[in-house]
C-alpha atoms as a PDB file:
ATOM      1  CA  MET A   1       8.926 161.570  97.199  1.00  0.00           C
ATOM      2  CA  LYS A   2       8.455 163.865  94.284  1.00  0.00           C
ATOM      3  CA  GLY A   3       5.550 165.068  92.185  1.00  0.00           C
ATOM      4  CA  GLY A   4       1.855 165.478  92.868  1.00  0.00           C
ATOM      5  CA  LEU A   5      -0.897 163.154  91.778  1.00  0.00           C
ATOM      6  CA  ARG A   6      -1.485 163.298  88.055  1.00  0.00           C
ATOM      7  CA  SER A   7      -4.824 162.892  86.298  1.00  0.00           C
ATOM      8  CA  ARG A   8      -4.146 159.291  85.339  1.00  0.00           C
ATOM      9  CA  ASP A   9      -3.526 158.507  89.030  1.00  0.00           C
ATOM     10  CA  SER A  10      -7.141 159.422  89.739  1.00  0.00           C
ATOM     11  CA  ILE A  11      -8.226 156.147  88.136  1.00  0.00           C
ATOM     12  CA  ALA A  12      -7.232 154.440  91.393  1.00  0.00           C
ATOM     13  CA  PRO A  13      -8.398 155.631  94.843  1.00  0.00           C
ATOM     14  CA  VAL A  14      -6.001 158.206  96.304  1.00  0.00           C
ATOM     15  CA  PRO A  15      -4.969 156.046  99.303  1.00  0.00           C
ATOM     16  CA  THR A  16      -4.095 153.228  96.897  1.00  0.00           C
ATOM     17  CA  VAL A  17      -1.894 155.509  94.796  1.00  0.00           C
ATOM     18  CA  VAL A  18      -0.155 156.994  97.836  1.00  0.00           C
ATOM     19  CA  ALA A  19       0.389 153.541  99.368  1.00  0.00           C
ATOM     20  CA  GLU A  20       1.897 152.248  96.144  1.00  0.00           C
ATOM     21  CA  ARG A  21       4.304 155.168  95.911  1.00  0.00           C
ATOM     22  CA  ILE A  22       5.454 154.826  99.516  1.00  0.00           C
ATOM     23  CA  ARG A  23       5.756 151.060  99.056  1.00  0.00           C
ATOM     24  CA  THR A  24       7.965 151.577  96.009  1.00  0.00           C
ATOM     25  CA  LEU A  25      10.248 153.934  97.944  1.00  0.00           C
ATOM     26  CA  ILE A  26      10.571 151.443 100.791  1.00  0.00           C
ATOM     27  CA  LEU A  27      11.318 148.506  98.491  1.00  0.00           C
ATOM     28  CA  ALA A  28      13.857 150.589  96.567  1.00  0.00           C
ATOM     29  CA  GLY A  29      15.588 151.538  99.808  1.00  0.00           C
ATOM     30  CA  GLU A  30      14.881 155.261  99.381  1.00  0.00           C
ATOM     31  CA  LEU A  31      13.009 155.129 102.673  1.00  0.00           C
ATOM     32  CA  ALA A  32      15.336 153.237 104.990  1.00  0.00           C
ATOM     33  CA  ALA A  33      14.387 150.778 107.717  1.00  0.00           C
ATOM     34  CA  GLY A  34      13.669 152.700 110.917  1.00  0.00           C
ATOM     35  CA  GLU A  35      13.118 156.014 109.114  1.00  0.00           C
ATOM     36  CA  ARG A  36      10.096 158.074 110.111  1.00  0.00           C
ATOM     37  CA  VAL A  37       7.505 158.665 107.388  1.00  0.00           C
ATOM     38  CA  ASN A  38       6.674 162.361 107.477  1.00  0.00           C
ATOM     39  CA  GLN A  39       2.916 162.547 106.874  1.00  0.00           C
ATOM     40  CA  ASP A  40       2.951 166.330 106.372  1.00  0.00           C
ATOM     41  CA  ARG A  41       5.535 166.012 103.612  1.00  0.00           C
ATOM     42  CA  VAL A  42       3.760 163.073 101.961  1.00  0.00           C
ATOM     43  CA  ALA A  43       0.473 164.986 101.928  1.00  0.00           C
ATOM     44  CA  ALA A  44       2.107 168.130 100.518  1.00  0.00           C
ATOM     45  CA  GLU A  45       4.056 166.313  97.832  1.00  0.00           C
ATOM     46  CA  HIS A  46       0.963 164.439  96.660  1.00  0.00           C
ATOM     47  CA  GLY A  47      -1.365 167.421  96.966  1.00  0.00           C
ATOM     48  CA  VAL A  48      -3.793 165.599  99.266  1.00  0.00           C
ATOM     49  CA  SER A  49      -5.072 165.854 102.820  1.00  0.00           C
ATOM     50  CA  HIS A  50      -3.763 163.822 105.724  1.00  0.00           C
ATOM     51  CA  ILE A  51      -6.744 161.436 105.655  1.00  0.00           C
ATOM     52  CA  PRO A  52      -5.740 159.412 102.539  1.00  0.00           C
ATOM     53  CA  VAL A  53      -2.099 159.491 103.658  1.00  0.00           C
ATOM     54  CA  ARG A  54      -2.985 157.936 107.000  1.00  0.00           C
ATOM     55  CA  GLU A  55      -5.195 155.359 105.275  1.00  0.00           C
ATOM     56  CA  ALA A  56      -2.316 154.496 102.943  1.00  0.00           C
ATOM     57  CA  LEU A  57       0.055 154.087 105.884  1.00  0.00           C
ATOM     58  CA  CYS A  58      -2.441 151.884 107.722  1.00  0.00           C
ATOM     59  CA  ARG A  59      -2.523 149.627 104.660  1.00  0.00           C
ATOM     60  CA  LEU A  60       1.262 149.456 104.634  1.00  0.00           C
ATOM     61  CA  GLU A  61       1.218 148.690 108.352  1.00  0.00           C
ATOM     62  CA  ALA A  62      -1.059 145.705 107.635  1.00  0.00           C
ATOM     63  CA  GLU A  63       1.498 144.555 105.053  1.00  0.00           C
ATOM     64  CA  GLY A  64       4.291 144.801 107.601  1.00  0.00           C
ATOM     65  CA  LEU A  65       6.134 147.564 105.752  1.00  0.00           C
ATOM     66  CA  VAL A  66       5.624 150.276 108.376  1.00  0.00           C
ATOM     67  CA  THR A  67       4.961 150.332 112.093  1.00  0.00           C
ATOM     68  CA  PHE A  68       2.974 152.851 114.118  1.00  0.00           C
ATOM     69  CA  HIS A  69       4.233 154.293 117.399  1.00  0.00           C
ATOM     70  CA  PRO A  70       1.726 156.342 119.460  1.00  0.00           C
ATOM     71  CA  ARG A  71       2.574 160.045 119.625  1.00  0.00           C
ATOM     72  CA  ARG A  72       5.520 159.470 117.258  1.00  0.00           C
ATOM     73  CA  GLY A  73       3.940 158.382 113.996  1.00  0.00           C
ATOM     74  CA  PHE A  74       4.741 155.805 111.322  1.00  0.00           C
ATOM     75  CA  PHE A  75       8.201 154.362 110.737  1.00  0.00           C
ATOM     76  CA  VAL A  76       9.570 152.044 108.054  1.00  0.00           C
ATOM     77  CA  ALA A  77       9.610 148.578 109.603  1.00  0.00           C
ATOM     78  CA  LYS A  78      12.986 147.099 110.375  1.00  0.00           C
ATOM     79  CA  LEU A  79      14.030 143.769 108.895  1.00  0.00           C
ATOM     80  CA  SER A  80      14.377 140.969 111.419  1.00  0.00           C
ATOM     81  CA  VAL A  81      15.351 137.313 111.325  1.00  0.00           C
ATOM     82  CA  GLU A  82      12.236 136.392 113.317  1.00  0.00           C
ATOM     83  CA  ASP A  83       9.954 138.109 110.808  1.00  0.00           C
ATOM     84  CA  ALA A  84      11.773 136.513 107.873  1.00  0.00           C
ATOM     85  CA  LEU A  85      11.368 133.067 109.397  1.00  0.00           C
ATOM     86  CA  GLU A  86       7.668 133.579 110.099  1.00  0.00           C
ATOM     87  CA  LEU A  87       7.004 134.808 106.572  1.00  0.00           C
ATOM     88  CA  GLY A  88       8.896 131.837 105.151  1.00  0.00           C
ATOM     89  CA  GLU A  89       6.992 129.352 107.300  1.00  0.00           C
ATOM     90  CA  MET A  90       3.620 130.813 106.342  1.00  0.00           C
ATOM     91  CA  ARG A  91       4.467 131.041 102.645  1.00  0.00           C
ATOM     92  CA  SER A  92       5.782 127.483 102.547  1.00  0.00           C
ATOM     93  CA  ALA A  93       2.603 126.065 104.087  1.00  0.00           C
ATOM     94  CA  LEU A  94       0.041 128.218 102.285  1.00  0.00           C
ATOM     95  CA  GLU A  95       1.637 128.191  98.832  1.00  0.00           C
ATOM     96  CA  SER A  96       1.885 124.403  98.972  1.00  0.00           C
ATOM     97  CA  LEU A  97      -1.804 124.282  99.899  1.00  0.00           C
ATOM     98  CA  ALA A  98      -2.720 126.661  97.065  1.00  0.00           C
ATOM     99  CA  ALA A  99      -0.790 124.505  94.590  1.00  0.00           C
ATOM    100  CA  ARG A 100      -2.612 121.348  95.659  1.00  0.00           C
ATOM    101  CA  LEU A 101      -5.996 123.050  95.365  1.00  0.00           C
ATOM    102  CA  ALA A 102      -5.183 124.696  92.029  1.00  0.00           C
ATOM    103  CA  MET A 103      -3.777 121.606  90.283  1.00  0.00           C
ATOM    104  CA  PRO A 104      -7.115 119.996  89.272  1.00  0.00           C
ATOM    105  CA  ARG A 105      -8.421 123.271  87.869  1.00  0.00           C
ATOM    106  CA  ILE A 106      -5.433 124.803  86.108  1.00  0.00           C
ATOM    107  CA  SER A 107      -5.554 125.048  82.317  1.00  0.00           C
ATOM    108  CA  ALA A 108      -2.888 124.462  79.688  1.00  0.00           C
ATOM    109  CA  SER A 109      -3.177 128.105  78.616  1.00  0.00           C
ATOM    110  CA  THR A 110      -2.441 129.259  82.178  1.00  0.00           C
ATOM    111  CA  LEU A 111       0.628 127.023  82.322  1.00  0.00           C
ATOM    112  CA  ASP A 112       1.763 128.446  78.979  1.00  0.00           C
ATOM    113  CA  ALA A 113       1.334 131.957  80.382  1.00  0.00           C
ATOM    114  CA  ALA A 114       3.401 130.988  83.413  1.00  0.00           C
ATOM    115  CA  GLU A 115       6.160 129.717  81.138  1.00  0.00           C
ATOM    116  CA  LYS A 116       6.147 132.926  79.091  1.00  0.00           C
ATOM    117  CA  ASN A 117       6.462 134.835  82.353  1.00  0.00           C
ATOM    118  CA  LEU A 118       9.567 132.812  83.218  1.00  0.00           C
ATOM    119  CA  ASP A 119      11.023 133.634  79.808  1.00  0.00           C
ATOM    120  CA  ALA A 120      10.392 137.331  80.490  1.00  0.00           C
ATOM    121  CA  ALA A 121      12.095 137.021  83.877  1.00  0.00           C
ATOM    122  CA  ASP A 122      15.172 135.540  82.191  1.00  0.00           C
ATOM    123  CA  ARG A 123      15.510 138.696  80.117  1.00  0.00           C
ATOM    124  CA  THR A 124      14.988 141.315  82.815  1.00  0.00           C
ATOM    125  CA  LYS A 125      17.869 143.225  84.374  1.00  0.00           C
ATOM    126  CA  SER A 126      15.773 145.209  86.844  1.00  0.00           C
ATOM    127  CA  LEU A 127      15.248 143.952  90.386  1.00  0.00           C
ATOM    128  CA  LEU A 128      11.818 145.603  90.435  1.00  0.00           C
ATOM    129  CA  ALA A 129      10.815 143.835  87.210  1.00  0.00           C
ATOM    130  CA  TRP A 130      12.220 140.571  88.546  1.00  0.00           C
ATOM    131  CA  SER A 131      10.119 140.920  91.698  1.00  0.00           C
ATOM    132  CA  GLU A 132       6.980 141.519  89.637  1.00  0.00           C
ATOM    133  CA  THR A 133       7.562 138.588  87.270  1.00  0.00           C
ATOM    134  CA  ASN A 134       8.450 136.313  90.181  1.00  0.00           C
ATOM    135  CA  TRP A 135       5.167 136.895  91.998  1.00  0.00           C
ATOM    136  CA  ARG A 136       3.209 136.846  88.718  1.00  0.00           C
ATOM    137  CA  PHE A 137       4.541 133.348  88.005  1.00  0.00           C
ATOM    138  CA  HIS A 138       3.457 132.034  91.389  1.00  0.00           C
ATOM    139  CA  ARG A 139       0.100 133.820  91.264  1.00  0.00           C
ATOM    140  CA  LEU A 140      -0.720 132.272  87.879  1.00  0.00           C
ATOM    141  CA  LEU A 141      -0.206 128.822  89.372  1.00  0.00           C
ATOM    142  CA  TYR A 142      -2.205 129.489  92.550  1.00  0.00           C
ATOM    143  CA  ALA A 143      -5.136 131.551  91.228  1.00  0.00           C
ATOM    144  CA  PRO A 144      -7.141 128.517  89.985  1.00  0.00           C
ATOM    145  CA  CYS A 145      -7.443 127.269  93.584  1.00  0.00           C
ATOM    146  CA  ARG A 146     -10.607 129.395  93.873  1.00  0.00           C
ATOM    147  CA  ARG A 147      -9.921 130.317  97.480  1.00  0.00           C
ATOM    148  CA  PRO A 148     -10.166 134.123  97.623  1.00  0.00           C
ATOM    149  CA  ARG A 149      -9.179 134.364 101.297  1.00  0.00           C
ATOM    150  CA  LEU A 150      -6.145 132.178 100.703  1.00  0.00           C
ATOM    151  CA  LEU A 151      -5.069 134.208  97.672  1.00  0.00           C
ATOM    152  CA  GLU A 152      -5.572 137.484  99.535  1.00  0.00           C
ATOM    153  CA  THR A 153      -3.436 136.172 102.393  1.00  0.00           C
ATOM    154  CA  LEU A 154      -0.716 135.065  99.984  1.00  0.00           C
ATOM    155  CA  GLU A 155      -0.745 138.470  98.301  1.00  0.00           C
ATOM    156  CA  GLY A 156      -0.175 140.111 101.666  1.00  0.00           C
ATOM    157  CA  LEU A 157       2.617 137.699 102.558  1.00  0.00           C
ATOM    158  CA  TRP A 158       4.359 138.370  99.267  1.00  0.00           C
ATOM    159  CA  ARG A 159       4.175 142.123  99.775  1.00  0.00           C
ATOM    160  CA  ALA A 160       5.643 141.750 103.259  1.00  0.00           C
ATOM    161  CA  ALA A 161       8.335 139.329 102.052  1.00  0.00           C
ATOM    162  CA  ASP A 162       9.395 141.392  99.037  1.00  0.00           C
ATOM    163  CA  ARG A 163      12.007 143.456 100.915  1.00  0.00           C
ATOM    164  CA  TYR A 164      13.505 140.281 102.329  1.00  0.00           C
ATOM    165  CA  LEU A 165      13.504 138.432  99.025  1.00  0.00           C
ATOM    166  CA  ARG A 166      15.359 141.254  97.314  1.00  0.00           C
ATOM    167  CA  VAL A 167      18.248 140.667  99.707  1.00  0.00           C
ATOM    168  CA  VAL A 168      18.486 137.058  98.512  1.00  0.00           C
ATOM    169  CA  TRP A 169      17.963 137.889  94.843  1.00  0.00           C
ATOM    170  CA  GLN A 170      20.996 140.161  94.890  1.00  0.00           C
ATOM    171  CA  GLU A 171      23.187 137.266  95.965  1.00  0.00           C
ATOM    172  CA  ALA A 172      25.380 135.975  93.128  1.00  0.00           C
ATOM    173  CA  GLY A 173      23.659 133.261  91.135  1.00  0.00           C
ATOM    174  CA  TRP A 174      20.463 133.158  93.168  1.00  0.00           C
ATOM    175  CA  GLN A 175      18.175 134.325  90.387  1.00  0.00           C
ATOM    176  CA  ALA A 176      19.458 131.545  88.127  1.00  0.00           C
ATOM    177  CA  ARG A 177      18.802 129.011  90.877  1.00  0.00           C
ATOM    178  CA  SER A 178      15.338 130.443  91.468  1.00  0.00           C
ATOM    179  CA  GLN A 179      14.487 130.192  87.771  1.00  0.00           C
ATOM    180  CA  LYS A 180      15.657 126.569  87.676  1.00  0.00           C
ATOM    181  CA  GLU A 181      13.391 125.764  90.604  1.00  0.00           C
ATOM    182  CA  HIS A 182      10.512 127.632  88.959  1.00  0.00           C
ATOM    183  CA  ARG A 183      10.817 125.485  85.844  1.00  0.00           C
ATOM    184  CA  GLU A 184      10.859 122.326  87.958  1.00  0.00           C
ATOM    185  CA  ILE A 185       7.659 123.477  89.668  1.00  0.00           C
ATOM    186  CA  LEU A 186       6.076 124.227  86.306  1.00  0.00           C
ATOM    187  CA  ALA A 187       7.045 120.767  85.035  1.00  0.00           C
ATOM    188  CA  ALA A 188       5.305 119.205  88.043  1.00  0.00           C
ATOM    189  CA  PHE A 189       2.151 121.170  87.205  1.00  0.00           C
ATOM    190  CA  ARG A 190       2.302 120.025  83.587  1.00  0.00           C
ATOM    191  CA  ALA A 191       2.654 116.437  84.822  1.00  0.00           C
ATOM    192  CA  ASN A 192      -0.378 116.954  87.083  1.00  0.00           C
ATOM    193  CA  ASP A 193       1.726 115.857  90.056  1.00  0.00           C
ATOM    194  CA  ALA A 194       0.280 117.830  92.949  1.00  0.00           C
ATOM    195  CA  ALA A 195       2.415 116.173  95.618  1.00  0.00           C
ATOM    196  CA  ARG A 196       5.657 116.925  93.790  1.00  0.00           C
ATOM    197  CA  ALA A 197       4.600 120.503  92.997  1.00  0.00           C
ATOM    198  CA  ALA A 198       3.737 121.143  96.658  1.00  0.00           C
ATOM    199  CA  THR A 199       7.046 119.662  97.803  1.00  0.00           C
ATOM    200  CA  LEU A 200       9.069 121.676  95.296  1.00  0.00           C
ATOM    201  CA  ILE A 201       7.299 124.906  96.282  1.00  0.00           C
ATOM    202  CA  ALA A 202       7.946 124.293  99.976  1.00  0.00           C
ATOM    203  CA  GLU A 203      11.630 123.573  99.278  1.00  0.00           C
ATOM    204  CA  HIS A 204      11.835 126.648  97.027  1.00  0.00           C
ATOM    205  CA  VAL A 205      10.534 128.944  99.774  1.00  0.00           C
ATOM    206  CA  GLU A 206      12.551 127.278 102.526  1.00  0.00           C
ATOM    207  CA  ALA A 207      15.814 127.516 100.570  1.00  0.00           C
ATOM    208  CA  ALA A 208      15.331 131.242 100.011  1.00  0.00           C
ATOM    209  CA  THR A 209      14.450 131.747 103.678  1.00  0.00           C
ATOM    210  CA  THR A 210      17.546 129.849 104.826  1.00  0.00           C
ATOM    211  CA  ALA A 211      19.771 131.890 102.503  1.00  0.00           C
ATOM    212  CA  LEU A 212      18.183 135.120 103.723  1.00  0.00           C
ATOM    213  CA  VAL A 213      18.690 134.299 107.387  1.00  0.00           C
ATOM    214  CA  LYS A 214      22.320 133.438 106.680  1.00  0.00           C
ATOM    215  CA  VAL A 215      22.867 136.837 105.071  1.00  0.00           C
ATOM    216  CA  MET A 216      21.053 138.690 107.847  1.00  0.00           C
ATOM    217  CA  GLU A 217      23.006 136.944 110.590  1.00  0.00           C
END
């Protein structure tokens, strides 16, 4: 972790900035699973006290990215098949629900924005950019559901699942398959077919989860 907080970082609360930087390092693999997060070093490198660092780590613990061990500190959470399966089960159920609730309220302009996002994903070569466009596509479809608790839960699930999904996305041909499924989901939204959209989303999540478990095992 390099560099202190710059002036533009002050726009966001310090714990938010620190959490985002640690999250990025974990997702990029620069902080490995099982590695201890040195709070003294994080605080020194960001030029802050231990209080915002601990708050940032508590946020990441809630996301499932780090775990806390009494008298030992925070460690990068290890990937596990059980966790991957639970995340997949929850995402499958809740994203299908969000799609059903959003369908009557979604606008043509939002669907157009979702399609443009897919086009952008086709052009990206960066796994980080792919991750961002992938979640942005799904969020555009679910946001009209007008269920803030549901959307907040889905956001947390996506953050927790991101490390797992990157394992699948690096598999040969998976991104192309994912994009094909995305366009099928979008077509169901354009056809105002809530049942088909929900089914496709559940199958989309379950297929990725199955592939992930196969790789992990």
